[in-house]
Amino acid sequence: MTSQKVYQNSSDWRNSKRLDCEVPVDIFFKGKLYRGTSVNISETGIFIKSIPLDDFKIFDKLTITFQRPDLKPVKEVGRVARKTNEGIGILYLGENHPKASWLRPNIEDLFIS
């Protein structure tokens, strides 16, 4: 993790806090494994960099896996909700954990050391 910045203000259109953190993320999409790094994470999604962006489109469904600091792995199904030159934003679909309950309400405790 590089930073401890939490976003939540009126200029931020998201409805959950985002926390800057860098953790390795595995992405399984169309039978292929990609490896990226998170930029930030929230209870509803994650932004991932360091992947071949041309392989992904908005609304693509994929599975991501990453390791929480408490050593419990997280596996989530999500959709590409945002794509920039830096990476992709994934919205969790809650198929494994409804509304990402694994992260609520202690995102800051999990990812700030």
N, C-alpha and C. Protein backbone atom coordinates (compact mmCIF):
# COMPACT_ATOMS: atom_id res chain seq x y z
N MET A 1 0.84 -1.18 0.00
CA MET A 1 0.00 0.00 0.00
C MET A 1 0.88 1.23 0.00
N THR A 2 0.45 2.22 -0.75
CA THR A 2 1.28 3.40 -0.84
C THR A 2 0.70 4.59 -0.10
N SER A 3 -0.58 4.65 0.04
CA SER A 3 -1.20 5.85 0.57
C SER A 3 -2.38 5.48 1.44
N GLN A 4 -2.83 6.45 2.22
CA GLN A 4 -3.97 6.19 3.09
C GLN A 4 -5.09 7.18 2.84
N LYS A 5 -5.20 7.66 1.63
CA LYS A 5 -6.21 8.66 1.30
C LYS A 5 -7.56 8.01 1.09
N VAL A 6 -8.57 8.53 1.73
CA VAL A 6 -9.93 8.06 1.55
C VAL A 6 -10.72 9.15 0.86
N TYR A 7 -11.44 8.80 -0.21
CA TYR A 7 -12.24 9.76 -0.96
C TYR A 7 -13.69 9.69 -0.51
N GLN A 8 -14.27 10.80 -0.23
CA GLN A 8 -15.72 10.88 0.00
C GLN A 8 -16.08 12.34 0.13
N ASN A 9 -16.52 12.94 -0.96
CA ASN A 9 -16.95 14.33 -0.91
C ASN A 9 -17.98 14.58 -1.99
N SER A 10 -18.52 15.79 -2.04
CA SER A 10 -19.61 16.08 -2.95
C SER A 10 -19.19 16.04 -4.41
N SER A 11 -17.90 16.23 -4.71
CA SER A 11 -17.46 16.18 -6.09
C SER A 11 -17.20 14.75 -6.56
N ASP A 12 -17.25 13.80 -5.66
CA ASP A 12 -17.03 12.41 -5.99
C ASP A 12 -18.40 11.74 -6.15
N TRP A 13 -18.72 11.27 -7.38
CA TRP A 13 -20.05 10.75 -7.66
C TRP A 13 -20.29 9.36 -7.10
N ARG A 14 -19.29 8.70 -6.61
CA ARG A 14 -19.47 7.36 -6.08
C ARG A 14 -20.20 7.41 -4.73
N ASN A 15 -20.88 6.32 -4.40
CA ASN A 15 -21.66 6.32 -3.16
C ASN A 15 -20.98 5.55 -2.04
N SER A 16 -19.70 5.22 -2.21
CA SER A 16 -18.96 4.57 -1.12
C SER A 16 -17.54 5.11 -1.09
N LYS A 17 -16.95 5.05 0.09
CA LYS A 17 -15.58 5.54 0.26
C LYS A 17 -14.61 4.71 -0.56
N ARG A 18 -13.63 5.38 -1.15
CA ARG A 18 -12.55 4.68 -1.85
C ARG A 18 -11.27 4.91 -1.06
N LEU A 19 -10.47 3.89 -0.99
CA LEU A 19 -9.22 3.96 -0.26
C LEU A 19 -8.08 3.62 -1.21
N ASP A 20 -7.09 4.51 -1.32
CA ASP A 20 -5.92 4.22 -2.13
C ASP A 20 -5.20 3.02 -1.53
N CYS A 21 -4.95 2.02 -2.34
CA CYS A 21 -4.15 0.89 -1.90
C CYS A 21 -3.67 0.13 -3.13
N GLU A 22 -2.49 -0.42 -3.01
CA GLU A 22 -1.91 -1.20 -4.09
C GLU A 22 -1.76 -2.64 -3.63
N VAL A 23 -2.55 -3.52 -4.21
CA VAL A 23 -2.44 -4.95 -3.96
C VAL A 23 -2.50 -5.67 -5.30
N PRO A 24 -1.80 -6.78 -5.45
CA PRO A 24 -1.90 -7.55 -6.68
C PRO A 24 -3.32 -8.08 -6.87
N VAL A 25 -3.80 -8.04 -8.11
CA VAL A 25 -5.16 -8.50 -8.44
C VAL A 25 -5.07 -9.46 -9.62
N ASP A 26 -5.67 -10.62 -9.49
CA ASP A 26 -5.80 -11.55 -10.60
C ASP A 26 -7.18 -11.35 -11.22
N ILE A 27 -7.22 -11.28 -12.54
CA ILE A 27 -8.46 -11.08 -13.28
C ILE A 27 -8.64 -12.28 -14.21
N PHE A 28 -9.77 -12.96 -14.09
CA PHE A 28 -10.07 -14.07 -14.97
C PHE A 28 -11.17 -13.62 -15.92
N PHE A 29 -10.83 -13.60 -17.22
CA PHE A 29 -11.76 -13.06 -18.22
C PHE A 29 -11.60 -13.84 -19.52
N LYS A 30 -12.70 -14.39 -20.01
CA LYS A 30 -12.73 -15.14 -21.27
C LYS A 30 -11.66 -16.23 -21.31
N GLY A 31 -11.55 -16.97 -20.21
CA GLY A 31 -10.63 -18.08 -20.15
C GLY A 31 -9.16 -17.71 -20.02
N LYS A 32 -8.88 -16.46 -19.77
CA LYS A 32 -7.50 -16.00 -19.67
C LYS A 32 -7.28 -15.32 -18.31
N LEU A 33 -6.07 -15.51 -17.76
CA LEU A 33 -5.70 -14.89 -16.49
C LEU A 33 -4.86 -13.65 -16.75
N TYR A 34 -5.27 -12.52 -16.18
CA TYR A 34 -4.53 -11.27 -16.26
C TYR A 34 -4.06 -10.93 -14.85
N ARG A 35 -2.95 -10.25 -14.75
CA ARG A 35 -2.46 -9.79 -13.45
C ARG A 35 -2.33 -8.29 -13.49
N GLY A 36 -2.91 -7.63 -12.49
CA GLY A 36 -2.85 -6.19 -12.39
C GLY A 36 -2.57 -5.77 -10.97
N THR A 37 -2.67 -4.47 -10.73
CA THR A 37 -2.47 -3.91 -9.41
C THR A 37 -3.60 -2.94 -9.12
N SER A 38 -4.18 -3.03 -7.93
CA SER A 38 -5.24 -2.09 -7.57
C SER A 38 -4.67 -0.69 -7.39
N VAL A 39 -5.49 0.30 -7.65
CA VAL A 39 -5.17 1.70 -7.38
C VAL A 39 -5.94 2.15 -6.15
N ASN A 40 -7.23 1.82 -6.15
CA ASN A 40 -8.07 2.10 -4.99
C ASN A 40 -9.16 1.05 -4.91
N ILE A 41 -9.77 0.99 -3.73
CA ILE A 41 -10.77 -0.05 -3.46
C ILE A 41 -11.88 0.55 -2.60
N SER A 42 -13.08 0.01 -2.75
CA SER A 42 -14.20 0.43 -1.91
C SER A 42 -15.06 -0.79 -1.63
N GLU A 43 -16.14 -0.58 -0.93
CA GLU A 43 -17.04 -1.70 -0.64
C GLU A 43 -17.86 -2.08 -1.87
N THR A 44 -17.83 -1.26 -2.92
CA THR A 44 -18.62 -1.56 -4.11
C THR A 44 -17.79 -1.84 -5.36
N GLY A 45 -16.48 -1.60 -5.29
CA GLY A 45 -15.67 -1.83 -6.48
C GLY A 45 -14.19 -1.62 -6.26
N ILE A 46 -13.44 -1.74 -7.36
CA ILE A 46 -11.99 -1.63 -7.31
C ILE A 46 -11.51 -1.06 -8.65
N PHE A 47 -10.45 -0.26 -8.62
CA PHE A 47 -9.84 0.25 -9.84
C PHE A 47 -8.49 -0.44 -10.00
N ILE A 48 -8.25 -0.99 -11.19
CA ILE A 48 -7.07 -1.81 -11.44
C ILE A 48 -6.25 -1.23 -12.58
N LYS A 49 -4.92 -1.17 -12.39
CA LYS A 49 -4.00 -0.70 -13.43
C LYS A 49 -3.09 -1.86 -13.85
N SER A 50 -2.23 -1.59 -14.80
CA SER A 50 -1.19 -2.54 -15.24
C SER A 50 -1.76 -3.77 -15.94
N ILE A 51 -2.76 -3.57 -16.76
CA ILE A 51 -3.32 -4.67 -17.53
C ILE A 51 -3.47 -4.22 -18.99
N PRO A 52 -3.57 -5.14 -19.94
CA PRO A 52 -3.78 -4.75 -21.35
C PRO A 52 -5.20 -4.22 -21.55
N LEU A 53 -5.34 -2.92 -21.58
CA LEU A 53 -6.66 -2.29 -21.60
C LEU A 53 -7.49 -2.62 -22.83
N ASP A 54 -6.85 -2.89 -23.95
CA ASP A 54 -7.60 -3.18 -25.18
C ASP A 54 -8.41 -4.45 -25.08
N ASP A 55 -8.10 -5.32 -24.13
CA ASP A 55 -8.82 -6.58 -23.97
C ASP A 55 -10.16 -6.42 -23.26
N PHE A 56 -10.43 -5.23 -22.69
CA PHE A 56 -11.63 -5.03 -21.87
C PHE A 56 -12.51 -3.93 -22.44
N LYS A 57 -13.84 -4.13 -22.29
CA LYS A 57 -14.83 -3.14 -22.70
C LYS A 57 -15.78 -2.89 -21.53
N ILE A 58 -16.43 -1.75 -21.55
CA ILE A 58 -17.45 -1.44 -20.55
C ILE A 58 -18.51 -2.55 -20.58
N PHE A 59 -18.95 -2.96 -19.40
CA PHE A 59 -19.96 -3.99 -19.16
C PHE A 59 -19.43 -5.42 -19.26
N ASP A 60 -18.14 -5.61 -19.62
CA ASP A 60 -17.59 -6.97 -19.61
C ASP A 60 -17.69 -7.54 -18.20
N LYS A 61 -18.10 -8.80 -18.10
CA LYS A 61 -18.21 -9.49 -16.82
C LYS A 61 -16.94 -10.30 -16.61
N LEU A 62 -16.38 -10.23 -15.40
CA LEU A 62 -15.13 -10.92 -15.10
C LEU A 62 -15.09 -11.30 -13.63
N THR A 63 -14.07 -12.06 -13.28
CA THR A 63 -13.87 -12.46 -11.89
C THR A 63 -12.51 -11.95 -11.44
N ILE A 64 -12.47 -11.35 -10.26
CA ILE A 64 -11.20 -10.86 -9.72
C ILE A 64 -10.92 -11.55 -8.39
N THR A 65 -9.65 -11.71 -8.10
CA THR A 65 -9.21 -12.28 -6.83
C THR A 65 -8.05 -11.44 -6.32
N PHE A 66 -8.08 -11.13 -5.03
CA PHE A 66 -6.95 -10.44 -4.41
C PHE A 66 -6.88 -10.82 -2.95
N GLN A 67 -5.76 -10.52 -2.34
CA GLN A 67 -5.51 -10.90 -0.95
C GLN A 67 -5.74 -9.72 -0.03
N ARG A 68 -6.58 -9.91 0.97
CA ARG A 68 -6.77 -8.87 1.98
C ARG A 68 -5.59 -8.89 2.94
N PRO A 69 -5.34 -7.76 3.61
CA PRO A 69 -4.24 -7.71 4.59
C PRO A 69 -4.39 -8.71 5.73
N ASP A 70 -5.62 -9.12 6.05
CA ASP A 70 -5.81 -10.10 7.12
C ASP A 70 -5.65 -11.53 6.60
N LEU A 71 -5.09 -11.67 5.39
CA LEU A 71 -4.75 -12.93 4.74
C LEU A 71 -5.95 -13.72 4.23
N LYS A 72 -7.13 -13.15 4.25
CA LYS A 72 -8.28 -13.82 3.68
C LYS A 72 -8.43 -13.39 2.22
N PRO A 73 -8.40 -14.34 1.29
CA PRO A 73 -8.54 -13.97 -0.12
C PRO A 73 -9.97 -13.53 -0.44
N VAL A 74 -10.08 -12.64 -1.39
CA VAL A 74 -11.37 -12.14 -1.85
C VAL A 74 -11.53 -12.55 -3.30
N LYS A 75 -12.67 -13.14 -3.62
CA LYS A 75 -13.01 -13.47 -5.00
C LYS A 75 -14.35 -12.84 -5.29
N GLU A 76 -14.39 -11.97 -6.29
CA GLU A 76 -15.61 -11.25 -6.63
C GLU A 76 -15.89 -11.34 -8.12
N VAL A 77 -17.15 -11.42 -8.47
CA VAL A 77 -17.59 -11.27 -9.85
C VAL A 77 -17.97 -9.81 -10.02
N GLY A 78 -17.56 -9.22 -11.13
CA GLY A 78 -17.86 -7.82 -11.36
C GLY A 78 -18.01 -7.50 -12.83
N ARG A 79 -18.33 -6.24 -13.08
CA ARG A 79 -18.44 -5.73 -14.45
C ARG A 79 -17.53 -4.52 -14.58
N VAL A 80 -16.98 -4.36 -15.78
CA VAL A 80 -16.19 -3.16 -16.06
C VAL A 80 -17.17 -1.99 -16.11
N ALA A 81 -17.01 -1.06 -15.18
CA ALA A 81 -17.89 0.09 -15.08
C ALA A 81 -17.24 1.35 -15.63
N ARG A 82 -15.91 1.34 -15.69
CA ARG A 82 -15.18 2.52 -16.13
C ARG A 82 -13.87 2.08 -16.75
N LYS A 83 -13.47 2.79 -17.80
CA LYS A 83 -12.20 2.49 -18.46
C LYS A 83 -11.51 3.81 -18.77
N THR A 84 -10.25 3.93 -18.34
CA THR A 84 -9.46 5.12 -18.61
C THR A 84 -8.14 4.69 -19.22
N ASN A 85 -7.28 5.64 -19.51
CA ASN A 85 -5.95 5.31 -20.02
C ASN A 85 -5.10 4.62 -18.97
N GLU A 86 -5.48 4.74 -17.69
CA GLU A 86 -4.70 4.17 -16.60
C GLU A 86 -5.16 2.77 -16.20
N GLY A 87 -6.42 2.43 -16.45
CA GLY A 87 -6.91 1.14 -16.00
C GLY A 87 -8.41 1.01 -16.13
N ILE A 88 -8.97 0.03 -15.39
CA ILE A 88 -10.41 -0.22 -15.44
C ILE A 88 -11.00 -0.20 -14.03
N GLY A 89 -12.21 0.32 -13.93
CA GLY A 89 -12.97 0.30 -12.68
C GLY A 89 -13.95 -0.84 -12.72
N ILE A 90 -13.93 -1.67 -11.70
CA ILE A 90 -14.79 -2.84 -11.61
C ILE A 90 -15.85 -2.61 -10.55
N LEU A 91 -17.10 -2.81 -10.91
CA LEU A 91 -18.22 -2.76 -9.96
C LEU A 91 -18.54 -4.18 -9.55
N TYR A 92 -18.46 -4.48 -8.25
CA TYR A 92 -18.80 -5.82 -7.77
C TYR A 92 -20.27 -6.10 -8.03
N LEU A 93 -20.58 -7.30 -8.47
CA LEU A 93 -21.97 -7.68 -8.71
C LEU A 93 -22.59 -8.37 -7.51
N GLY A 94 -21.78 -8.72 -6.51
CA GLY A 94 -22.32 -9.29 -5.28
C GLY A 94 -22.73 -10.74 -5.41
N GLU A 95 -22.26 -11.44 -6.44
CA GLU A 95 -22.64 -12.85 -6.60
C GLU A 95 -21.98 -13.74 -5.56
N ASN A 96 -20.80 -13.35 -5.09
CA ASN A 96 -20.12 -14.14 -4.05
C ASN A 96 -20.41 -13.60 -2.65
N HIS A 97 -20.52 -12.31 -2.54
CA HIS A 97 -20.74 -11.65 -1.25
C HIS A 97 -21.69 -10.48 -1.49
N PRO A 98 -22.96 -10.63 -1.19
CA PRO A 98 -23.91 -9.56 -1.46
C PRO A 98 -23.43 -8.21 -0.94
N LYS A 99 -23.40 -7.25 -1.84
CA LYS A 99 -22.99 -5.89 -1.53
C LYS A 99 -21.63 -5.82 -0.87
N ALA A 100 -20.75 -6.72 -1.25
CA ALA A 100 -19.37 -6.73 -0.75
C ALA A 100 -19.32 -6.65 0.78
N SER A 101 -20.15 -7.43 1.43
CA SER A 101 -20.23 -7.37 2.90
C SER A 101 -18.92 -7.73 3.58
N TRP A 102 -18.01 -8.40 2.86
CA TRP A 102 -16.70 -8.72 3.43
C TRP A 102 -15.92 -7.46 3.77
N LEU A 103 -16.25 -6.35 3.14
CA LEU A 103 -15.49 -5.13 3.31
C LEU A 103 -16.18 -4.13 4.23
N ARG A 104 -17.46 -4.23 4.39
CA ARG A 104 -18.21 -3.26 5.17
C ARG A 104 -18.23 -3.66 6.62
N PRO A 105 -18.12 -2.84 7.62
CA PRO A 105 -17.87 -1.41 7.52
C PRO A 105 -16.40 -1.04 7.78
N ASN A 106 -15.51 -1.99 7.73
CA ASN A 106 -14.16 -1.72 8.21
C ASN A 106 -13.11 -1.64 7.10
N ILE A 107 -13.43 -1.00 5.99
CA ILE A 107 -12.46 -0.88 4.90
C ILE A 107 -11.17 -0.21 5.38
N GLU A 108 -11.28 0.82 6.18
CA GLU A 108 -10.08 1.51 6.64
C GLU A 108 -9.25 0.63 7.57
N ASP A 109 -9.91 -0.16 8.42
CA ASP A 109 -9.17 -1.06 9.30
C ASP A 109 -8.44 -2.14 8.52
N LEU A 110 -9.05 -2.61 7.44
CA LEU A 110 -8.44 -3.67 6.65
C LEU A 110 -7.25 -3.20 5.83
N PHE A 111 -7.33 -2.00 5.28
CA PHE A 111 -6.33 -1.58 4.32
C PHE A 111 -5.42 -0.46 4.79
N ILE A 112 -5.56 0.02 5.99
CA ILE A 112 -4.64 1.02 6.54
C ILE A 112 -3.91 0.36 7.69
N SER A 113 -2.60 0.33 7.57
CA SER A 113 -1.82 -0.31 8.63
C SER A 113 -1.10 0.72 9.45
